[in-house]
Amino acid sequence: MILGMSLITPTPRVIPMIFHRLKLSELVETWIKGVPYAALSALTIPGVFKLDPNNIYVGVVGFAFAVGASILKLSLYATVFIAILAIYGFYLLF
C-alpha cells in the first residue's frame, strides 16, 4: 500500500511537467481554468445547506454575505469575518 501510494502521489506533479509544452485549444484551456472553481464549489455548497439542520437559511445568509464580500474583492480574512458576523446576526434576530 505504501509503495502504491508513493508512486501515485507525485503523478499530479509530474504530468504538468511532461505536457508543459503541449499547446491546447482555447476551449480546453478555458475548461481547465474552471476546474478549481468547480471543485471548490462542490466542496463548499453542500456544507452551506448542512450548517444548521433546523434552519437552512443560516448557511444561505452566511454564503450570500461571503459572496458579496468576495465580489467587493475584500481579503479572505474579511470575507470569512463578514460571513461569521452575518451568521451570528441571523441567530440573534431569529
PDB file of N, CA and C in Angstrom:
ATOM      1  N   MET A   1       0.831  -1.182   0.000  1.00  0.00           N
ATOM      2  CA  MET A   1       0.000   0.000   0.000  1.00  0.00           C
ATOM      3  C   MET A   1       0.880   1.252   0.000  1.00  0.00           C
ATOM      4  N   ILE A   2       1.907   1.266   0.829  1.00  0.00           N
ATOM      5  CA  ILE A   2       2.795   2.433   0.886  1.00  0.00           C
ATOM      6  C   ILE A   2       3.525   2.616  -0.432  1.00  0.00           C
ATOM      7  N   LEU A   3       3.953   1.521  -1.045  1.00  0.00           N
ATOM      8  CA  LEU A   3       4.637   1.617  -2.335  1.00  0.00           C
ATOM      9  C   LEU A   3       3.698   2.176  -3.402  1.00  0.00           C
ATOM     10  N   GLY A   4       2.470   1.691  -3.424  1.00  0.00           N
ATOM     11  CA  GLY A   4       1.500   2.188  -4.396  1.00  0.00           C
ATOM     12  C   GLY A   4       1.205   3.662  -4.198  1.00  0.00           C
ATOM     13  N   MET A   5       1.038   4.073  -2.946  1.00  0.00           N
ATOM     14  CA  MET A   5       0.763   5.476  -2.664  1.00  0.00           C
ATOM     15  C   MET A   5       1.960   6.351  -3.023  1.00  0.00           C
ATOM     16  N   SER A   6       3.169   5.845  -2.812  1.00  0.00           N
ATOM     17  CA  SER A   6       4.359   6.634  -3.143  1.00  0.00           C
ATOM     18  C   SER A   6       4.519   6.793  -4.654  1.00  0.00           C
ATOM     19  N   LEU A   7       3.955   5.870  -5.434  1.00  0.00           N
ATOM     20  CA  LEU A   7       4.001   6.016  -6.887  1.00  0.00           C
ATOM     21  C   LEU A   7       2.896   6.935  -7.404  1.00  0.00           C
ATOM     22  N   ILE A   8       1.749   6.923  -6.755  1.00  0.00           N
ATOM     23  CA  ILE A   8       0.612   7.723  -7.204  1.00  0.00           C
ATOM     24  C   ILE A   8       0.731   9.186  -6.783  1.00  0.00           C
ATOM     25  N   THR A   9       1.285   9.459  -5.619  1.00  0.00           N
ATOM     26  CA  THR A   9       1.338  10.818  -5.094  1.00  0.00           C
ATOM     27  C   THR A   9       2.046  11.808  -6.013  1.00  0.00           C
ATOM     28  N   PRO A  10       3.206  11.501  -6.585  1.00  0.00           N
ATOM     29  CA  PRO A  10       3.859  12.501  -7.443  1.00  0.00           C
ATOM     30  C   PRO A  10       3.227  12.656  -8.827  1.00  0.00           C
ATOM     31  N   THR A  11       2.308  11.783  -9.190  1.00  0.00           N
ATOM     32  CA  THR A  11       1.740  11.827 -10.534  1.00  0.00           C
ATOM     33  C   THR A  11       1.127  13.183 -10.882  1.00  0.00           C
ATOM     34  N   PRO A  12       0.294  13.799 -10.026  1.00  0.00           N
ATOM     35  CA  PRO A  12      -0.253  15.114 -10.403  1.00  0.00           C
ATOM     36  C   PRO A  12       0.801  16.203 -10.548  1.00  0.00           C
ATOM     37  N   ARG A  13       1.961  15.992  -9.974  1.00  0.00           N
ATOM     38  CA  ARG A  13       3.029  16.994 -10.107  1.00  0.00           C
ATOM     39  C   ARG A  13       3.873  16.752 -11.349  1.00  0.00           C
ATOM     40  N   VAL A  14       3.987  15.501 -11.763  1.00  0.00           N
ATOM     41  CA  VAL A  14       4.836  15.158 -12.897  1.00  0.00           C
ATOM     42  C   VAL A  14       4.112  15.376 -14.222  1.00  0.00           C
ATOM     43  N   ILE A  15       2.831  15.091 -14.276  1.00  0.00           N
ATOM     44  CA  ILE A  15       2.077  15.211 -15.529  1.00  0.00           C
ATOM     45  C   ILE A  15       2.156  16.626 -16.116  1.00  0.00           C
ATOM     46  N   PRO A  16       1.978  17.694 -15.346  1.00  0.00           N
ATOM     47  CA  PRO A  16       2.113  19.038 -15.957  1.00  0.00           C
ATOM     48  C   PRO A  16       3.511  19.303 -16.516  1.00  0.00           C
ATOM     49  N   MET A  17       4.536  18.738 -15.888  1.00  0.00           N
ATOM     50  CA  MET A  17       5.890  18.939 -16.410  1.00  0.00           C
ATOM     51  C   MET A  17       6.073  18.232 -17.749  1.00  0.00           C
ATOM     52  N   ILE A  18       5.420  17.097 -17.919  1.00  0.00           N
ATOM     53  CA  ILE A  18       5.552  16.350 -19.167  1.00  0.00           C
ATOM     54  C   ILE A  18       4.824  17.073 -20.300  1.00  0.00           C
ATOM     55  N   PHE A  19       3.617  17.572 -20.013  1.00  0.00           N
ATOM     56  CA  PHE A  19       2.790  18.190 -21.039  1.00  0.00           C
ATOM     57  C   PHE A  19       2.885  19.713 -21.050  1.00  0.00           C
ATOM     58  N   HIS A  20       3.924  20.263 -20.453  1.00  0.00           N
ATOM     59  CA  HIS A  20       4.068  21.718 -20.337  1.00  0.00           C
ATOM     60  C   HIS A  20       4.108  22.408 -21.707  1.00  0.00           C
ATOM     61  N   ARG A  21       4.778  21.821 -22.646  1.00  0.00           N
ATOM     62  CA  ARG A  21       4.953  22.467 -23.953  1.00  0.00           C
ATOM     63  C   ARG A  21       3.849  22.119 -24.946  1.00  0.00           C
ATOM     64  N   LEU A  22       2.931  21.294 -24.536  1.00  0.00           N
ATOM     65  CA  LEU A  22       1.834  20.901 -25.405  1.00  0.00           C
ATOM     66  C   LEU A  22       0.842  22.054 -25.537  1.00  0.00           C
ATOM     67  N   LYS A  23       0.504  22.438 -26.764  1.00  0.00           N
ATOM     68  CA  LYS A  23      -0.447  23.518 -26.999  1.00  0.00           C
ATOM     69  C   LYS A  23      -1.861  22.935 -27.030  1.00  0.00           C
ATOM     70  N   LEU A  24      -2.725  23.488 -26.204  1.00  0.00           N
ATOM     71  CA  LEU A  24      -4.111  23.048 -26.145  1.00  0.00           C
ATOM     72  C   LEU A  24      -4.998  24.094 -26.804  1.00  0.00           C
ATOM     73  N   SER A  25      -6.173  23.660 -27.226  1.00  0.00           N
ATOM     74  CA  SER A  25      -7.095  24.610 -27.836  1.00  0.00           C
ATOM     75  C   SER A  25      -7.604  25.587 -26.770  1.00  0.00           C
ATOM     76  N   GLU A  26      -8.129  26.695 -27.218  1.00  0.00           N
ATOM     77  CA  GLU A  26      -8.636  27.726 -26.304  1.00  0.00           C
ATOM     78  C   GLU A  26      -9.776  27.188 -25.448  1.00  0.00           C
ATOM     79  N   LEU A  27     -10.621  26.354 -26.042  1.00  0.00           N
ATOM     80  CA  LEU A  27     -11.742  25.769 -25.313  1.00  0.00           C
ATOM     81  C   LEU A  27     -11.253  24.872 -24.172  1.00  0.00           C
ATOM     82  N   VAL A  28     -10.253  24.052 -24.434  1.00  0.00           N
ATOM     83  CA  VAL A  28      -9.716  23.157 -23.405  1.00  0.00           C
ATOM     84  C   VAL A  28      -9.041  23.963 -22.301  1.00  0.00           C
ATOM     85  N   GLU A  29      -8.299  24.992 -22.664  1.00  0.00           N
ATOM     86  CA  GLU A  29      -7.638  25.820 -21.648  1.00  0.00           C
ATOM     87  C   GLU A  29      -8.652  26.541 -20.776  1.00  0.00           C
ATOM     88  N   THR A  30      -9.723  27.028 -21.378  1.00  0.00           N
ATOM     89  CA  THR A  30     -10.784  27.683 -20.611  1.00  0.00           C
ATOM     90  C   THR A  30     -11.430  26.695 -19.655  1.00  0.00           C
ATOM     91  N   TRP A  31     -11.662  25.487 -20.126  1.00  0.00           N
ATOM     92  CA  TRP A  31     -12.267  24.448 -19.287  1.00  0.00           C
ATOM     93  C   TRP A  31     -11.353  24.093 -18.119  1.00  0.00           C
ATOM     94  N   ILE A  32     -10.064  23.958 -18.389  1.00  0.00           N
ATOM     95  CA  ILE A  32      -9.105  23.602 -17.333  1.00  0.00           C
ATOM     96  C   ILE A  32      -9.021  24.707 -16.283  1.00  0.00           C
ATOM     97  N   LYS A  33      -9.100  25.959 -16.708  1.00  0.00           N
ATOM     98  CA  LYS A  33      -9.048  27.060 -15.747  1.00  0.00           C
ATOM     99  C   LYS A  33     -10.266  27.085 -14.836  1.00  0.00           C
ATOM    100  N   GLY A  34     -11.378  26.502 -15.261  1.00  0.00           N
ATOM    101  CA  GLY A  34     -12.583  26.467 -14.445  1.00  0.00           C
ATOM    102  C   GLY A  34     -12.633  25.319 -13.449  1.00  0.00           C
ATOM    103  N   VAL A  35     -11.740  24.355 -13.579  1.00  0.00           N
ATOM    104  CA  VAL A  35     -11.761  23.180 -12.694  1.00  0.00           C
ATOM    105  C   VAL A  35     -11.590  23.548 -11.218  1.00  0.00           C
ATOM    106  N   PRO A  36     -10.663  24.415 -10.830  1.00  0.00           N
ATOM    107  CA  PRO A  36     -10.538  24.740  -9.402  1.00  0.00           C
ATOM    108  C   PRO A  36     -11.809  25.362  -8.820  1.00  0.00           C
ATOM    109  N   TYR A  37     -12.484  26.209  -9.583  1.00  0.00           N
ATOM    110  CA  TYR A  37     -13.718  26.825  -9.100  1.00  0.00           C
ATOM    111  C   TYR A  37     -14.823  25.790  -8.938  1.00  0.00           C
ATOM    112  N   ALA A  38     -14.895  24.864  -9.870  1.00  0.00           N
ATOM    113  CA  ALA A  38     -15.907  23.804  -9.781  1.00  0.00           C
ATOM    114  C   ALA A  38     -15.637  22.897  -8.587  1.00  0.00           C
ATOM    115  N   ALA A  39     -14.365  22.572  -8.359  1.00  0.00           N
ATOM    116  CA  ALA A  39     -14.021  21.714  -7.222  1.00  0.00           C
ATOM    117  C   ALA A  39     -14.318  22.420  -5.906  1.00  0.00           C
ATOM    118  N   LEU A  40     -13.981  23.695  -5.820  1.00  0.00           N
ATOM    119  CA  LEU A  40     -14.259  24.457  -4.603  1.00  0.00           C
ATOM    120  C   LEU A  40     -15.758  24.545  -4.345  1.00  0.00           C
ATOM    121  N   SER A  41     -16.533  24.769  -5.395  1.00  0.00           N
ATOM    122  CA  SER A  41     -17.984  24.814  -5.235  1.00  0.00           C
ATOM    123  C   SER A  41     -18.542  23.478  -4.783  1.00  0.00           C
ATOM    124  N   ALA A  42     -18.032  22.403  -5.367  1.00  0.00           N
ATOM    125  CA  ALA A  42     -18.514  21.072  -4.991  1.00  0.00           C
ATOM    126  C   ALA A  42     -18.196  20.744  -3.536  1.00  0.00           C
ATOM    127  N   LEU A  43     -17.128  21.298  -3.008  1.00  0.00           N
ATOM    128  CA  LEU A  43     -16.778  21.061  -1.604  1.00  0.00           C
ATOM    129  C   LEU A  43     -17.514  22.001  -0.658  1.00  0.00           C
ATOM    130  N   THR A  44     -17.838  23.204  -1.107  1.00  0.00           N
ATOM    131  CA  THR A  44     -18.404  24.225  -0.239  1.00  0.00           C
ATOM    132  C   THR A  44     -19.922  24.203  -0.169  1.00  0.00           C
ATOM    133  N   ILE A  45     -20.582  24.120  -1.292  1.00  0.00           N
ATOM    134  CA  ILE A  45     -22.031  24.280  -1.355  1.00  0.00           C
ATOM    135  C   ILE A  45     -22.790  23.278  -0.482  1.00  0.00           C
ATOM    136  N   PRO A  46     -22.441  21.990  -0.457  1.00  0.00           N
ATOM    137  CA  PRO A  46     -23.189  21.088   0.438  1.00  0.00           C
ATOM    138  C   PRO A  46     -23.103  21.495   1.912  1.00  0.00           C
ATOM    139  N   GLY A  47     -21.983  22.038   2.323  1.00  0.00           N
ATOM    140  CA  GLY A  47     -21.834  22.490   3.702  1.00  0.00           C
ATOM    141  C   GLY A  47     -22.709  23.684   4.035  1.00  0.00           C
ATOM    142  N   VAL A  48     -23.010  24.487   3.025  1.00  0.00           N
ATOM    143  CA  VAL A  48     -23.885  25.649   3.234  1.00  0.00           C
ATOM    144  C   VAL A  48     -25.263  25.183   3.700  1.00  0.00           C
ATOM    145  N   PHE A  49     -25.770  24.149   3.069  1.00  0.00           N
ATOM    146  CA  PHE A  49     -27.113  23.683   3.381  1.00  0.00           C
ATOM    147  C   PHE A  49     -27.164  22.741   4.580  1.00  0.00           C
ATOM    148  N   LYS A  50     -26.013  22.256   5.029  1.00  0.00           N
ATOM    149  CA  LYS A  50     -25.975  21.350   6.178  1.00  0.00           C
ATOM    150  C   LYS A  50     -25.473  22.036   7.448  1.00  0.00           C
ATOM    151  N   LEU A  51     -25.282  23.339   7.401  1.00  0.00           N
ATOM    152  CA  LEU A  51     -24.731  24.064   8.544  1.00  0.00           C
ATOM    153  C   LEU A  51     -25.613  23.921   9.774  1.00  0.00           C
ATOM    154  N   ASP A  52     -26.900  24.153   9.608  1.00  0.00           N
ATOM    155  CA  ASP A  52     -27.857  24.000  10.706  1.00  0.00           C
ATOM    156  C   ASP A  52     -29.052  23.215  10.171  1.00  0.00           C
ATOM    157  N   PRO A  53     -29.200  21.960  10.590  1.00  0.00           N
ATOM    158  CA  PRO A  53     -30.293  21.144  10.050  1.00  0.00           C
ATOM    159  C   PRO A  53     -31.679  21.704  10.369  1.00  0.00           C
ATOM    160  N   ASN A  54     -31.803  22.486  11.440  1.00  0.00           N
ATOM    161  CA  ASN A  54     -33.098  23.044  11.823  1.00  0.00           C
ATOM    162  C   ASN A  54     -33.465  24.293  11.040  1.00  0.00           C
ATOM    163  N   ASN A  55     -32.488  24.991  10.504  1.00  0.00           N
ATOM    164  CA  ASN A  55     -32.749  26.237   9.784  1.00  0.00           C
ATOM    165  C   ASN A  55     -31.773  26.338   8.612  1.00  0.00           C
ATOM    166  N   ILE A  56     -32.261  26.046   7.420  1.00  0.00           N
ATOM    167  CA  ILE A  56     -31.410  26.031   6.231  1.00  0.00           C
ATOM    168  C   ILE A  56     -30.929  27.435   5.857  1.00  0.00           C
ATOM    169  N   TYR A  57     -31.659  28.458   6.269  1.00  0.00           N
ATOM    170  CA  TYR A  57     -31.336  29.823   5.868  1.00  0.00           C
ATOM    171  C   TYR A  57     -30.071  30.364   6.531  1.00  0.00           C
ATOM    172  N   VAL A  58     -29.636  29.756   7.597  1.00  0.00           N
ATOM    173  CA  VAL A  58     -28.413  30.217   8.276  1.00  0.00           C
ATOM    174  C   VAL A  58     -27.229  30.136   7.325  1.00  0.00           C
ATOM    175  N   GLY A  59     -27.047  28.993   6.710  1.00  0.00           N
ATOM    176  CA  GLY A  59     -25.945  28.826   5.772  1.00  0.00           C
ATOM    177  C   GLY A  59     -26.088  29.690   4.543  1.00  0.00           C
ATOM    178  N   VAL A  60     -27.316  29.844   4.073  1.00  0.00           N
ATOM    179  CA  VAL A  60     -27.558  30.663   2.882  1.00  0.00           C
ATOM    180  C   VAL A  60     -27.210  32.124   3.156  1.00  0.00           C
ATOM    181  N   VAL A  61     -27.567  32.617   4.328  1.00  0.00           N
ATOM    182  CA  VAL A  61     -27.240  34.001   4.693  1.00  0.00           C
ATOM    183  C   VAL A  61     -25.723  34.188   4.762  1.00  0.00           C
ATOM    184  N   GLY A  62     -25.038  33.285   5.427  1.00  0.00           N
ATOM    185  CA  GLY A  62     -23.582  33.379   5.508  1.00  0.00           C
ATOM    186  C   GLY A  62     -22.929  33.299   4.141  1.00  0.00           C
ATOM    187  N   PHE A  63     -23.437  32.397   3.307  1.00  0.00           N
ATOM    188  CA  PHE A  63     -22.901  32.253   1.956  1.00  0.00           C
ATOM    189  C   PHE A  63     -23.135  33.518   1.133  1.00  0.00           C
ATOM    190  N   ALA A  64     -24.326  34.100   1.248  1.00  0.00           N
ATOM    191  CA  ALA A  64     -24.638  35.314   0.497  1.00  0.00           C
ATOM    192  C   ALA A  64     -23.723  36.463   0.906  1.00  0.00           C
ATOM    193  N   PHE A  65     -23.481  36.614   2.192  1.00  0.00           N
ATOM    194  CA  PHE A  65     -22.583  37.676   2.644  1.00  0.00           C
ATOM    195  C   PHE A  65     -21.144  37.410   2.208  1.00  0.00           C
ATOM    196  N   ALA A  66     -20.728  36.153   2.217  1.00  0.00           N
ATOM    197  CA  ALA A  66     -19.377  35.817   1.771  1.00  0.00           C
ATOM    198  C   ALA A  66     -19.218  36.102   0.278  1.00  0.00           C
ATOM    199  N   VAL A  67     -20.233  35.771  -0.508  1.00  0.00           N
ATOM    200  CA  VAL A  67     -20.174  36.057  -1.945  1.00  0.00           C
ATOM    201  C   VAL A  67     -20.141  37.568  -2.173  1.00  0.00           C
ATOM    202  N   GLY A  68     -20.960  38.300  -1.431  1.00  0.00           N
ATOM    203  CA  GLY A  68     -20.951  39.756  -1.561  1.00  0.00           C
ATOM    204  C   GLY A  68     -19.602  40.361  -1.213  1.00  0.00           C
ATOM    205  N   ALA A  69     -18.996  39.867  -0.145  1.00  0.00           N
ATOM    206  CA  ALA A  69     -17.677  40.383   0.250  1.00  0.00           C
ATOM    207  C   ALA A  69     -16.615  40.030  -0.783  1.00  0.00           C
ATOM    208  N   SER A  70     -16.733  38.848  -1.380  1.00  0.00           N
ATOM    209  CA  SER A  70     -15.744  38.475  -2.388  1.00  0.00           C
ATOM    210  C   SER A  70     -15.944  39.251  -3.684  1.00  0.00           C
ATOM    211  N   ILE A  71     -17.189  39.595  -4.004  1.00  0.00           N
ATOM    212  CA  ILE A  71     -17.440  40.436  -5.184  1.00  0.00           C
ATOM    213  C   ILE A  71     -16.822  41.812  -4.988  1.00  0.00           C
ATOM    214  N   LEU A  72     -16.856  42.294  -3.742  1.00  0.00           N
ATOM    215  CA  LEU A  72     -16.217  43.578  -3.428  1.00  0.00           C
ATOM    216  C   LEU A  72     -14.700  43.466  -3.334  1.00  0.00           C
ATOM    217  N   LYS A  73     -14.190  42.258  -3.539  1.00  0.00           N
ATOM    218  CA  LYS A  73     -12.748  41.955  -3.536  1.00  0.00           C
ATOM    219  C   LYS A  73     -12.091  42.265  -2.202  1.00  0.00           C
ATOM    220  N   LEU A  74     -12.796  41.930  -1.124  1.00  0.00           N
ATOM    221  CA  LEU A  74     -12.204  42.063   0.199  1.00  0.00           C
ATOM    222  C   LEU A  74     -11.248  40.897   0.425  1.00  0.00           C
ATOM    223  N   SER A  75     -10.417  41.027   1.431  1.00  0.00           N
ATOM    224  CA  SER A  75      -9.455  39.970   1.707  1.00  0.00           C
ATOM    225  C   SER A  75     -10.168  38.713   2.196  1.00  0.00           C
ATOM    226  N   LEU A  76      -9.453  37.611   2.193  1.00  0.00           N
ATOM    227  CA  LEU A  76     -10.017  36.343   2.651  1.00  0.00           C
ATOM    228  C   LEU A  76     -10.458  36.447   4.104  1.00  0.00           C
ATOM    229  N   TYR A  77      -9.631  37.059   4.937  1.00  0.00           N
ATOM    230  CA  TYR A  77      -9.970  37.200   6.351  1.00  0.00           C
ATOM    231  C   TYR A  77     -11.230  38.048   6.541  1.00  0.00           C
ATOM    232  N   ALA A  78     -11.324  39.137   5.788  1.00  0.00           N
ATOM    233  CA  ALA A  78     -12.503  39.996   5.893  1.00  0.00           C
ATOM    234  C   ALA A  78     -13.753  39.267   5.414  1.00  0.00           C
ATOM    235  N   THR A  79     -13.638  38.487   4.352  1.00  0.00           N
ATOM    236  CA  THR A  79     -14.770  37.738   3.834  1.00  0.00           C
ATOM    237  C   THR A  79     -15.274  36.724   4.852  1.00  0.00           C
ATOM    238  N   VAL A  80     -14.358  35.984   5.450  1.00  0.00           N
ATOM    239  CA  VAL A  80     -14.735  34.990   6.464  1.00  0.00           C
ATOM    240  C   VAL A  80     -15.338  35.684   7.679  1.00  0.00           C
ATOM    241  N   PHE A  81     -14.743  36.775   8.110  1.00  0.00           N
ATOM    242  CA  PHE A  81     -15.236  37.502   9.279  1.00  0.00           C
ATOM    243  C   PHE A  81     -16.646  38.045   9.030  1.00  0.00           C
ATOM    244  N   ILE A  82     -16.878  38.578   7.838  1.00  0.00           N
ATOM    245  CA  ILE A  82     -18.203  39.104   7.496  1.00  0.00           C
ATOM    246  C   ILE A  82     -19.236  37.978   7.475  1.00  0.00           C
ATOM    247  N   ALA A  83     -18.876  36.832   6.918  1.00  0.00           N
ATOM    248  CA  ALA A  83     -19.803  35.699   6.882  1.00  0.00           C
ATOM    249  C   ALA A  83     -20.127  35.221   8.294  1.00  0.00           C
ATOM    250  N   ILE A  84     -19.128  35.169   9.163  1.00  0.00           N
ATOM    251  CA  ILE A  84     -19.355  34.746  10.550  1.00  0.00           C
ATOM    252  C   ILE A  84     -20.259  35.742  11.262  1.00  0.00           C
ATOM    253  N   LEU A  85     -20.003  37.037  11.076  1.00  0.00           N
ATOM    254  CA  LEU A  85     -20.859  38.055  11.690  1.00  0.00           C
ATOM    255  C   LEU A  85     -22.290  37.975  11.168  1.00  0.00           C
ATOM    256  N   ALA A  86     -22.450  37.690   9.880  1.00  0.00           N
ATOM    257  CA  ALA A  86     -23.790  37.575   9.307  1.00  0.00           C
ATOM    258  C   ALA A  86     -24.543  36.391   9.919  1.00  0.00           C
ATOM    259  N   ILE A  87     -23.859  35.275  10.090  1.00  0.00           N
ATOM    260  CA  ILE A  87     -24.494  34.099  10.702  1.00  0.00           C
ATOM    261  C   ILE A  87     -24.840  34.386  12.155  1.00  0.00           C
ATOM    262  N   TYR A  88     -23.926  35.021  12.858  1.00  0.00           N
ATOM    263  CA  TYR A  88     -24.181  35.363  14.257  1.00  0.00           C
ATOM    264  C   TYR A  88     -25.374  36.321  14.367  1.00  0.00           C
ATOM    265  N   GLY A  89     -25.410  37.331  13.501  1.00  0.00           N
ATOM    266  CA  GLY A  89     -26.523  38.269  13.491  1.00  0.00           C
ATOM    267  C   GLY A  89     -27.843  37.595  13.156  1.00  0.00           C
ATOM    268  N   PHE A  90     -27.798  36.638  12.238  1.00  0.00           N
ATOM    269  CA  PHE A  90     -29.008  35.895  11.885  1.00  0.00           C
ATOM    270  C   PHE A  90     -29.522  35.102  13.069  1.00  0.00           C
ATOM    271  N   TYR A  91     -28.606  34.483  13.812  1.00  0.00           N
ATOM    272  CA  TYR A  91     -29.017  33.752  15.021  1.00  0.00           C
ATOM    273  C   TYR A  91     -29.601  34.689  16.087  1.00  0.00           C
ATOM    274  N   LEU A  92     -29.042  35.899  16.175  1.00  0.00           N
ATOM    275  CA  LEU A  92     -29.582  36.848  17.152  1.00  0.00           C
ATOM    276  C   LEU A  92     -30.983  37.336  16.776  1.00  0.00           C
ATOM    277  N   LEU A  93     -31.208  37.518  15.483  1.00  0.00           N
ATOM    278  CA  LEU A  93     -32.505  38.007  15.031  1.00  0.00           C
ATOM    279  C   LEU A  93     -33.583  36.932  15.017  1.00  0.00           C
ATOM    280  N   PHE A  94     -33.195  35.709  14.712  1.00  0.00           N
ATOM    281  CA  PHE A  94     -34.194  34.643  14.585  1.00  0.00           C
ATOM    282  C   PHE A  94     -33.889  33.575  15.586  1.00  0.00           C
TER     283      PHE A  94
END
